[in-house]
Structure formats: C-alpha cells, structure tokens
Amino acid sequence: MIVEIVRNWIEAHPLAAPWVMLGGALLLNGSVFLIARNVVARGLIALSQKTKNKNDDILVRYVRPYRLAWIAPLLLTYYLATWAPEWTAALQTLLLTAVVWLAVLTLAGLLTAANQMYEASSHFRGVSIQGYLDLGKLLILAIGVILTISQITGKSPVVLLSGIGAITAILLLIFHDTLLSLVASLQIQSHDLVREGDWIEMEDYDADGIVQNIALHTVKVQNWDNTITVVPTHKLMDTPYRNWRGMSESGGRRIKRALYIDLNSVAFCDADMIARFEQIGLVQEYLERHLQHQPENAAAERLCSAFVCEEHQLTNVGVFRAYISAYLRSRPDLHQTGEMASLVRELDPEPTGLPLEIYAFTRTVAWEAYEAVQADIFEHLVAAAPRFGLQVFQQPTGRDFRAWRE
C-alpha cells in the first residue's frame, strides 16, 4: 500500500521526486548509521569493557565495530538504489564493492584477533600460528580482489578462476617468497624448530636475542641491545643458527672457561708444600689417597732414580686441580650428577700458559645469575692459585718492564 502511494506521488511530481527521494534516502541512511554506530557498536564496546574476559577486548580492538557499522547503511543504500533506475547498476556495483572490502578488513582483523587470543592464552607454549593466519589473510584478500573484478566486469567468479591456470607462472613469480615462507613455516612448526620466546643466535643476520614474532614472511628477533632484527622466515631453513631453548629447558647453563697457569710456576711438591696443603680441607682426601702409595719418608726426602724425581711425586698444579674439582663439588649452585656434572681438565700447553678448563653447569639459566656464579668461581680460583705456588699467566705490562729495568 505504501509503495503504491509513493509510486503514484513520484509519477505526479516528476521534478520534485528526485530531491525528495534523495532526502529520504539520506534520512534513512543517517538513522540506520546512527543506530548501528551508537547503539549496536557502542553497546558491544561497552559490554566488552565490563567483562573480565580479555578475549572480547581483543575482538573489539581488531574487528572495530565502528567501522563494521558502515555495512548497515551501505546495504540499505543498495536496496534504495532501485529508486533511481538510471543509476541502479553503477550504484549497486559501487556499494557491493565497498561492502566486500569492509568484510575483507573485518575478517582479516578477526584472524589477527584470533592470533592475539591464542598467544595470550595459558595454553600458549611459543608455537606460532601467525604464518597460517597470514596465509588466510592472503586468501581473503585474493577472494576480495576476485569478487571486485567480478562486480566490475559483470562476469561470474567461476569464469575468472578458470583463467588463473593461464597466469600460474606469473603468480609463482610474484608469490615466490610467499611460497618459500609458507613451506618454511610448515617445516618450522612441524619439527618444532623455533618458537616465540626462544633465544636464537644467527650470525649471518647479526641476530642474538629473543624471538618476538614468527609471521609468514618474517621472524622478528629482539636483540640483547634492544635493537630489532628481521629475518626472512625461509632463511631459517638454509642459514645456520643456534637455538638456546634446550639450555633453558634443561635447567642448567654451561660454564666452559680456562684458567691459564704460568708454566714457570709449576713444580714438584716438597715437604713444606705438602705440609701447607694438608691444612686446606678440600684437598686433604686427595693428599691422603696419593701419599699412602709412597714410602714413609717420601714426604721429607725425595729419592731420585730413573726419573727426575720420584714417579708418584705430587705437583702443585695437580693439587690445585684437585682443589678446583673439590671446590666445584662443594658449590650448591652447580649441578653435580648426570650429564651436567662438573669437570676440570688440563689442556695442551700454549704460549699463554697451561690451561685448566672448568666445565660445569649452573643450576640457573638466568643470564645475570649465571654470570654472577661464573664470576664468583674464577675470582676465587685466581685468588687461590698463589696459595699453591702458582701464578696465573698474563701478558707483561708496563709495570713488569719497569720492574725488570730496576
């Protein structure tokens, strides 16, 4: 009934009808937009702010209800476009294109929100799904482009898809890096090679820090100097890198550092030295075990025969090595059993002295605590070496040259 009345009035007033229809369309669109924006969109935002769940806040942030509210007046205008028969086809094409791209942006935001919710959940263990979601965004974008071309040309999307085979080579050339990154992402996640939160070192890209984000095309690494290094995802499959996750999960971080002893200070132990060493509790067991194999007066008088001195005579560096082993075993902040037991080994003599390498694992993997434990150990050993008649090697300094001249 109302449609008939409106149509009769338009036929009776052909000059005023376009302006009346335009005003009515603007009024209807304005009313629908205000309702969609101020009632629906704002209501959703207010509702998300009142709940304790953070997922709805993430949805609102990336879906953007205020932008989504434009779909309502656009759809209304699409149906009102029939009031202007001369412009109906062009208006409807333009409006549908706008609706399609609003939907594309909304779906892309929804995928971003899904990734944010996944990474914020308590079940997240650093396994990124952003590569898959980025691929989904590319597919949504491709669908949007196809639907737009279909609207403009008036041809079915099926006809457009059937012609893709002819341009496959061009698409492979254009999306070469994307395909490489997709394959790399699948291999990284299927083999659990890198997770977000891992500490990796990649010398070719000067990357040394924590993986912040794993996307389809790039891996973002925040270095320890707070700079950001961006590495192409597919480079993780053909470029060497070190992942420290195993160290973090094991609960022990390795100390592997040598103390260099001046070879001029290495000597056999005489009676006075042994008497002094017996006052050091950490080496008493070692001395008792080795001295019991020697003659009763061996500690006081060393008999020389085929050897320079007695075959089993102790050396100050050997006693010091035993002291280091006992000292490491006495520290509660080091692992003592299994594959992470401590070890002291003597390496080949070098121009810089005789290396005594300390090989141990701390009970902490935190950087600051690890460095503190390592510093405590070597500070103690450097200060303890002179008690065994040993000197730690260092290059001569100006002070040494002045002492020689005097």
Protein backbone atom coordinates (compact mmCIF):
# COMPACT_ATOMS: atom_id res chain seq x y z
CA MET A 1 0.00 0.00 0.00
CA ILE A 2 2.73 2.47 0.99
CA VAL A 3 4.82 1.52 -2.07
CA GLU A 4 1.85 2.26 -4.34
CA ILE A 5 1.27 5.65 -2.69
CA VAL A 6 4.96 6.58 -3.07
CA ARG A 7 4.99 5.46 -6.70
CA ASN A 8 1.83 7.46 -7.52
CA TRP A 9 3.26 10.56 -5.88
CA ILE A 10 6.50 10.22 -7.85
CA GLU A 11 4.57 9.96 -11.10
CA ALA A 12 2.53 13.02 -10.18
CA HIS A 13 5.55 15.16 -9.24
CA PRO A 14 8.37 14.21 -11.64
CA LEU A 15 10.51 17.28 -10.92
CA ALA A 16 10.44 17.19 -7.13
CA ALA A 17 10.60 13.41 -6.84
CA PRO A 18 14.43 13.02 -7.21
CA TRP A 19 15.16 15.53 -4.50
CA VAL A 20 12.55 14.06 -2.17
CA MET A 21 13.94 10.56 -2.75
CA LEU A 22 17.48 11.77 -2.14
CA GLY A 23 16.46 13.47 1.08
CA GLY A 24 14.51 10.42 2.21
CA ALA A 25 17.44 8.14 1.40
CA LEU A 26 19.86 10.35 3.32
CA LEU A 27 17.49 10.47 6.28
CA LEU A 28 17.04 6.70 6.33
CA ASN A 29 20.75 6.06 5.92
CA GLY A 30 21.62 8.54 8.64
CA SER A 31 19.15 6.94 11.03
CA VAL A 32 20.38 3.43 10.30
CA PHE A 33 24.04 4.50 10.64
CA LEU A 34 23.41 6.25 13.97
CA ILE A 35 21.61 3.18 15.32
CA ALA A 36 24.33 0.82 14.10
CA ARG A 37 27.13 3.02 15.45
CA ASN A 38 25.76 4.48 18.65
CA VAL A 39 23.57 1.58 19.77
CA VAL A 40 24.97 -1.66 18.37
CA ALA A 41 28.70 -0.84 18.01
CA ARG A 42 28.98 1.27 21.16
CA GLY A 43 26.93 -1.30 23.07
CA LEU A 44 29.34 -4.06 22.06
CA ILE A 45 32.33 -1.94 23.14
CA ALA A 46 30.74 -1.09 26.49
CA LEU A 47 29.81 -4.72 27.07
CA SER A 48 33.38 -5.87 26.38
CA GLN A 49 34.76 -3.33 28.85
CA LYS A 50 32.51 -4.57 31.65
CA THR A 51 33.52 -8.23 31.38
CA LYS A 52 36.67 -9.66 33.00
CA ASN A 53 37.44 -11.79 29.97
CA LYS A 54 40.18 -10.20 27.84
CA ASN A 55 39.23 -12.05 24.65
CA ASP A 56 36.27 -9.79 23.93
CA ASP A 57 38.52 -6.74 24.36
CA ILE A 58 40.87 -8.19 21.73
CA LEU A 59 37.95 -8.87 19.39
CA VAL A 60 36.66 -5.32 19.73
CA ARG A 61 40.15 -3.88 19.17
CA TYR A 62 40.76 -5.68 15.88
CA VAL A 63 37.24 -6.17 14.48
CA ARG A 64 36.47 -2.47 15.10
CA PRO A 65 32.66 -2.28 15.49
CA TYR A 66 32.58 1.41 14.47
CA ARG A 67 33.98 0.51 11.06
CA LEU A 68 31.70 -2.50 10.78
CA ALA A 69 28.69 -0.23 11.41
CA TRP A 70 29.09 1.23 7.90
CA ILE A 71 27.82 -2.04 6.41
CA ALA A 72 24.24 -1.32 7.53
CA PRO A 73 23.76 1.99 5.63
CA LEU A 74 25.62 0.59 2.62
CA LEU A 75 23.23 -2.37 2.38
CA LEU A 76 20.24 -0.08 2.83
CA THR A 77 21.51 2.17 0.05
CA TYR A 78 21.95 -0.90 -2.14
CA TYR A 79 18.22 -1.62 -1.92
CA LEU A 80 17.24 2.06 -2.18
CA ALA A 81 19.28 2.35 -5.40
CA THR A 82 16.30 0.87 -7.26
CA TRP A 83 14.60 4.26 -6.80
CA ALA A 84 16.96 5.63 -9.45
CA PRO A 85 16.75 3.16 -12.37
CA GLU A 86 19.32 5.04 -14.44
CA TRP A 87 21.96 4.75 -11.72
CA THR A 88 20.94 1.45 -10.13
CA ALA A 89 23.59 -0.80 -11.72
CA ALA A 90 26.50 1.56 -11.11
CA LEU A 91 25.44 2.38 -7.54
CA GLN A 92 24.89 -1.25 -6.62
CA THR A 93 28.30 -2.25 -8.05
CA LEU A 94 30.00 0.51 -6.07
CA LEU A 95 28.11 -0.33 -2.87
CA LEU A 96 28.73 -4.07 -3.13
CA THR A 97 32.42 -3.41 -3.68
CA ALA A 98 32.53 -1.28 -0.53
CA VAL A 99 30.70 -4.00 1.45
CA VAL A 100 33.09 -6.67 0.16
CA TRP A 101 36.15 -4.72 1.27
CA LEU A 102 34.65 -3.91 4.64
CA ALA A 103 34.06 -7.63 5.05
CA VAL A 104 37.66 -8.34 3.94
CA LEU A 105 39.06 -5.91 6.52
CA THR A 106 36.79 -7.33 9.21
CA LEU A 107 37.77 -10.95 8.50
CA ALA A 108 41.47 -10.00 8.44
CA GLY A 109 41.04 -8.27 11.79
CA LEU A 110 39.23 -11.34 13.10
CA LEU A 111 42.24 -13.53 12.19
CA THR A 112 44.58 -11.07 13.89
CA ALA A 113 42.38 -11.17 16.98
CA ALA A 114 42.43 -14.96 16.91
CA ASN A 115 46.24 -14.90 16.92
CA GLN A 116 46.32 -12.42 19.80
CA MET A 117 43.88 -14.51 21.84
CA TYR A 118 45.90 -17.66 21.15
CA GLU A 119 49.17 -16.06 22.25
CA ALA A 120 47.52 -14.56 25.34
CA SER A 121 46.02 -17.88 26.45
CA SER A 122 47.52 -20.01 29.21
CA HIS A 123 48.00 -22.87 26.73
CA PHE A 124 50.42 -20.90 24.54
CA ARG A 125 53.88 -22.51 24.52
CA GLY A 126 55.58 -20.35 21.90
CA VAL A 127 54.30 -22.35 18.88
CA SER A 128 53.21 -19.60 16.49
CA ILE A 129 50.19 -19.92 14.19
CA GLN A 130 50.59 -16.48 12.65
CA GLY A 131 52.08 -17.94 9.47
CA TYR A 132 48.87 -19.89 8.83
CA LEU A 133 46.72 -16.86 9.67
CA ASP A 134 48.77 -14.67 7.32
CA LEU A 135 48.11 -17.21 4.59
CA GLY A 136 44.41 -16.99 5.44
CA LYS A 137 44.59 -13.19 5.10
CA LEU A 138 46.15 -13.59 1.66
CA LEU A 139 43.33 -15.92 0.62
CA ILE A 140 40.72 -13.47 1.91
CA LEU A 141 42.45 -10.67 0.02
CA ALA A 142 42.51 -12.78 -3.15
CA ILE A 143 38.79 -13.53 -2.78
CA GLY A 144 38.11 -9.83 -2.31
CA VAL A 145 40.01 -8.98 -5.49
CA ILE A 146 38.19 -11.68 -7.48
CA LEU A 147 34.76 -10.56 -6.24
CA THR A 148 35.61 -6.93 -7.02
CA ILE A 149 36.69 -7.76 -10.57
CA SER A 150 33.59 -9.91 -10.95
CA GLN A 151 31.38 -6.99 -9.88
CA ILE A 152 33.08 -4.52 -12.22
CA THR A 153 33.17 -6.81 -15.27
CA GLY A 154 29.85 -8.47 -14.65
CA LYS A 155 31.35 -11.94 -15.10
CA SER A 156 30.98 -14.88 -12.79
CA PRO A 157 33.86 -15.52 -10.33
CA VAL A 158 33.99 -19.08 -11.68
CA VAL A 159 34.95 -17.72 -15.12
CA LEU A 160 37.72 -15.64 -13.55
CA LEU A 161 39.02 -18.64 -11.57
CA SER A 162 39.11 -20.78 -14.69
CA GLY A 163 41.58 -18.34 -16.23
CA ILE A 164 44.03 -18.49 -13.33
CA GLY A 165 45.74 -21.51 -14.86
CA ALA A 166 46.96 -19.36 -17.70
CA ILE A 167 48.75 -16.98 -15.37
CA THR A 168 50.11 -19.57 -12.92
CA ALA A 169 53.71 -18.87 -13.93
CA ILE A 170 53.24 -15.16 -13.26
CA LEU A 171 51.64 -15.88 -9.89
CA LEU A 172 54.52 -18.19 -8.94
CA LEU A 173 56.98 -15.45 -9.82
CA ILE A 174 55.06 -12.83 -7.85
CA PHE A 175 54.48 -15.05 -4.80
CA HIS A 176 57.88 -16.77 -4.90
CA ASP A 177 58.93 -15.54 -1.43
CA THR A 178 55.46 -16.23 -0.04
CA LEU A 179 55.58 -19.87 -1.16
CA LEU A 180 59.09 -20.31 0.27
CA SER A 181 57.98 -18.77 3.55
CA LEU A 182 54.88 -20.97 3.66
CA VAL A 183 56.92 -24.15 3.21
CA ALA A 184 59.46 -22.93 5.78
CA SER A 185 56.68 -22.13 8.28
CA LEU A 186 55.23 -25.62 7.89
CA GLN A 187 58.65 -27.23 8.46
CA ILE A 188 59.50 -24.97 11.42
CA GLN A 189 56.26 -25.77 13.19
CA SER A 190 56.06 -29.45 12.29
CA HIS A 191 59.61 -30.05 13.56
CA ASP A 192 59.29 -27.52 16.42
CA LEU A 193 62.49 -25.74 15.39
CA VAL A 194 61.76 -22.22 16.66
CA ARG A 195 59.10 -20.85 18.97
CA GLU A 196 58.23 -17.36 20.06
CA GLY A 197 60.20 -16.67 23.22
CA ASP A 198 63.23 -18.73 22.14
CA TRP A 199 66.71 -17.25 22.34
CA ILE A 200 68.45 -17.69 18.99
CA GLU A 201 71.80 -16.63 17.53
CA MET A 202 72.08 -16.08 13.78
CA GLU A 203 75.48 -14.66 12.84
CA ASP A 204 74.65 -14.02 9.17
CA TYR A 205 71.97 -11.51 10.22
CA ASP A 206 73.62 -10.29 13.46
CA ALA A 207 70.64 -11.64 15.35
CA ASP A 208 71.21 -12.56 19.01
CA GLY A 209 68.16 -12.33 21.22
CA ILE A 210 64.58 -13.39 21.87
CA VAL A 211 62.15 -14.31 19.07
CA GLN A 212 59.28 -11.88 19.43
CA ASN A 213 57.13 -12.87 16.49
CA ILE A 214 57.02 -15.56 13.80
CA ALA A 215 54.94 -14.42 10.82
CA LEU A 216 54.51 -15.88 7.36
CA HIS A 217 57.27 -13.79 5.79
CA THR A 218 59.43 -12.61 8.68
CA VAL A 219 60.78 -13.61 12.07
CA LYS A 220 61.33 -10.68 14.43
CA VAL A 221 64.18 -11.01 16.93
CA GLN A 222 64.75 -8.51 19.73
CA ASN A 223 68.50 -8.46 20.36
CA TRP A 224 70.06 -8.04 23.77
CA ASP A 225 70.92 -4.42 22.94
CA ASN A 226 67.16 -3.85 22.37
CA THR A 227 67.56 -3.50 18.61
CA ILE A 228 65.25 -5.46 16.32
CA THR A 229 66.50 -7.83 13.63
CA VAL A 230 64.02 -9.03 11.00
CA VAL A 231 64.93 -12.34 9.36
CA PRO A 232 63.05 -13.80 6.35
CA THR A 233 61.23 -16.91 7.55
CA HIS A 234 62.57 -19.13 4.77
CA LYS A 235 66.17 -18.22 5.76
CA LEU A 236 65.74 -20.31 8.92
CA MET A 237 65.83 -23.37 6.69
CA ASP A 238 69.08 -22.62 4.84
CA THR A 239 71.08 -20.42 7.24
CA PRO A 240 72.86 -21.79 10.35
CA TYR A 241 71.55 -20.56 13.69
CA ARG A 242 71.70 -21.62 17.33
CA ASN A 243 68.59 -22.09 19.45
CA TRP A 244 69.18 -21.89 23.22
CA ARG A 245 65.81 -23.40 24.12
CA GLY A 246 67.39 -26.73 25.10
CA MET A 247 69.58 -24.94 27.63
CA SER A 248 66.58 -23.12 29.11
CA GLU A 249 64.51 -26.31 29.37
CA SER A 250 67.35 -28.37 30.88
CA GLY A 251 67.66 -26.06 33.88
CA GLY A 252 71.45 -25.81 33.61
CA ARG A 253 73.73 -23.44 31.74
CA ARG A 254 77.27 -24.48 30.91
CA ILE A 255 80.42 -22.82 32.17
CA LYS A 256 83.37 -23.56 29.90
CA ARG A 257 86.33 -21.33 30.59
CA ALA A 258 90.02 -21.94 31.16
CA LEU A 259 92.38 -20.56 33.77
CA TYR A 260 95.90 -20.17 32.34
CA ILE A 261 98.74 -21.13 34.71
CA ASP A 262 102.23 -19.72 34.18
CA LEU A 263 104.41 -22.72 33.30
CA ASN A 264 107.35 -21.23 35.21
CA SER A 265 105.42 -21.65 38.45
CA VAL A 266 104.69 -25.40 38.03
CA ALA A 267 106.84 -27.51 40.38
CA PHE A 268 107.07 -30.76 42.36
CA CYS A 269 105.74 -30.61 45.90
CA ASP A 270 108.33 -30.65 48.68
CA ALA A 271 107.70 -31.44 52.33
CA ASP A 272 106.91 -27.85 53.23
CA MET A 273 104.42 -27.51 50.42
CA ILE A 274 102.66 -30.74 51.35
CA ALA A 275 102.51 -29.69 55.00
CA ARG A 276 100.93 -26.41 53.94
CA PHE A 277 98.50 -28.09 51.57
CA GLU A 278 97.35 -30.50 54.27
CA GLN A 279 95.85 -27.52 56.06
CA ILE A 280 93.42 -26.99 53.15
CA GLY A 281 90.35 -29.07 53.84
CA LEU A 282 89.24 -29.53 50.24
CA VAL A 283 92.46 -31.36 49.25
CA GLN A 284 93.06 -33.45 52.38
CA GLU A 285 91.35 -36.52 50.94
CA TYR A 286 93.31 -36.16 47.70
CA LEU A 287 96.63 -35.92 49.55
CA GLU A 288 95.87 -38.92 51.79
CA ARG A 289 94.92 -41.01 48.78
CA HIS A 290 98.12 -40.22 46.88
CA LEU A 291 100.62 -40.12 49.74
CA GLN A 292 99.69 -43.59 51.00
CA HIS A 293 101.28 -45.10 47.87
CA GLN A 294 104.66 -43.51 48.63
CA PRO A 295 107.40 -44.56 51.06
CA GLU A 296 107.00 -43.44 54.65
CA ASN A 297 109.76 -40.83 54.39
CA ALA A 298 108.78 -39.74 50.87
CA ALA A 299 107.24 -36.53 52.11
CA ALA A 300 110.57 -35.46 53.62
CA GLU A 301 113.13 -36.99 51.31
CA ARG A 302 112.61 -37.50 47.60
CA LEU A 303 114.63 -40.33 46.10
CA CYS A 304 115.82 -39.81 42.54
CA SER A 305 116.49 -42.83 40.32
CA ALA A 306 115.49 -43.38 36.68
CA PHE A 307 113.04 -40.45 36.90
CA VAL A 308 113.88 -36.82 37.52
CA CYS A 309 112.18 -37.29 40.84
CA GLU A 310 110.02 -39.98 42.31
CA GLU A 311 107.40 -41.25 39.86
CA HIS A 312 104.39 -40.56 42.07
CA GLN A 313 105.58 -37.28 43.48
CA LEU A 314 102.84 -34.66 43.58
CA THR A 315 102.94 -31.36 41.71
CA ASN A 316 101.45 -28.10 42.88
CA VAL A 317 99.31 -27.83 39.74
CA GLY A 318 97.96 -31.36 40.32
CA VAL A 319 96.97 -30.46 43.88
CA PHE A 320 95.42 -27.23 42.61
CA ARG A 321 93.44 -29.20 40.02
CA ALA A 322 92.16 -31.46 42.81
CA TYR A 323 91.27 -28.35 44.80
CA ILE A 324 89.26 -26.94 41.89
CA SER A 325 87.34 -30.21 41.50
CA ALA A 326 86.52 -30.33 45.21
CA TYR A 327 85.61 -26.64 45.20
CA LEU A 328 83.17 -27.11 42.31
CA ARG A 329 81.58 -30.10 44.04
CA SER A 330 81.09 -28.02 47.19
CA ARG A 331 79.09 -25.33 45.45
CA PRO A 332 75.29 -25.79 45.80
CA ASP A 333 74.63 -23.57 42.77
CA LEU A 334 76.19 -26.12 40.38
CA HIS A 335 74.79 -29.42 39.11
CA GLN A 336 76.77 -32.39 40.43
CA THR A 337 75.29 -35.51 38.82
CA GLY A 338 74.44 -36.99 35.45
CA GLU A 339 75.33 -35.31 32.20
CA MET A 340 75.74 -31.97 33.96
CA ALA A 341 78.43 -32.99 36.44
CA SER A 342 81.40 -30.66 36.88
CA LEU A 343 84.81 -31.44 35.40
CA VAL A 344 88.30 -29.96 35.45
CA ARG A 345 90.60 -30.87 32.60
CA GLU A 346 94.13 -29.93 31.64
CA LEU A 347 94.55 -28.86 28.02
CA ASP A 348 97.66 -28.69 25.85
CA PRO A 349 100.21 -26.10 26.99
CA GLU A 350 100.07 -22.91 24.97
CA PRO A 351 102.23 -19.78 24.64
CA THR A 352 99.88 -18.22 27.18
CA GLY A 353 100.43 -20.96 29.77
CA LEU A 354 98.90 -24.24 30.91
CA PRO A 355 95.08 -24.14 30.52
CA LEU A 356 92.98 -25.63 33.32
CA GLU A 357 89.49 -25.72 31.83
CA ILE A 358 86.49 -25.63 34.15
CA TYR A 359 83.48 -27.44 32.70
CA ALA A 360 80.36 -27.16 34.86
CA PHE A 361 76.64 -26.36 34.74
CA THR A 362 74.88 -23.81 36.90
CA ARG A 363 71.51 -24.56 38.45
CA THR A 364 70.13 -21.34 36.99
CA VAL A 365 69.71 -20.30 33.37
CA ALA A 366 69.03 -16.63 34.14
CA TRP A 367 71.70 -14.53 32.49
CA GLU A 368 72.55 -12.27 35.43
CA ALA A 369 72.64 -15.11 37.99
CA TYR A 370 74.71 -17.28 35.64
CA GLU A 371 77.31 -14.56 35.13
CA ALA A 372 77.46 -13.98 38.89
CA VAL A 373 78.15 -17.67 39.59
CA GLN A 374 80.81 -17.83 36.87
CA ALA A 375 82.50 -14.67 38.16
CA ASP A 376 82.49 -15.98 41.76
CA ILE A 377 84.21 -19.20 40.68
CA PHE A 378 87.01 -17.59 38.69
CA GLU A 379 87.60 -14.76 41.13
CA HIS A 380 88.08 -17.36 43.85
CA LEU A 381 90.41 -19.51 41.75
CA VAL A 382 92.55 -16.57 40.63
CA ALA A 383 92.98 -15.55 44.26
CA ALA A 384 93.61 -19.15 45.40
CA ALA A 385 96.30 -20.02 42.81
CA PRO A 386 99.19 -18.26 44.68
CA ARG A 387 98.42 -20.39 47.77
CA PHE A 388 99.60 -23.37 45.72
CA GLY A 389 102.75 -21.63 44.49
CA LEU A 390 101.17 -20.95 41.10
CA GLN A 391 100.90 -17.79 39.05
CA VAL A 392 98.07 -17.02 36.66
CA PHE A 393 99.51 -16.07 33.28
CA GLN A 394 99.03 -12.62 31.82
CA GLN A 395 100.85 -10.65 29.18
CA PRO A 396 103.63 -8.39 30.54
CA THR A 397 102.56 -4.85 31.30
CA GLY A 398 104.48 -1.60 31.61
CA ARG A 399 104.80 -2.22 35.33
CA ASP A 400 106.54 -5.55 34.67
CA PHE A 401 109.04 -3.91 32.31
CA ARG A 402 109.81 -1.20 34.84
CA ALA A 403 110.47 -3.86 37.49
CA TRP A 404 112.90 -5.68 35.19
CA ARG A 405 114.78 -2.47 34.46
CA GLU A 406 115.18 -1.74 38.14
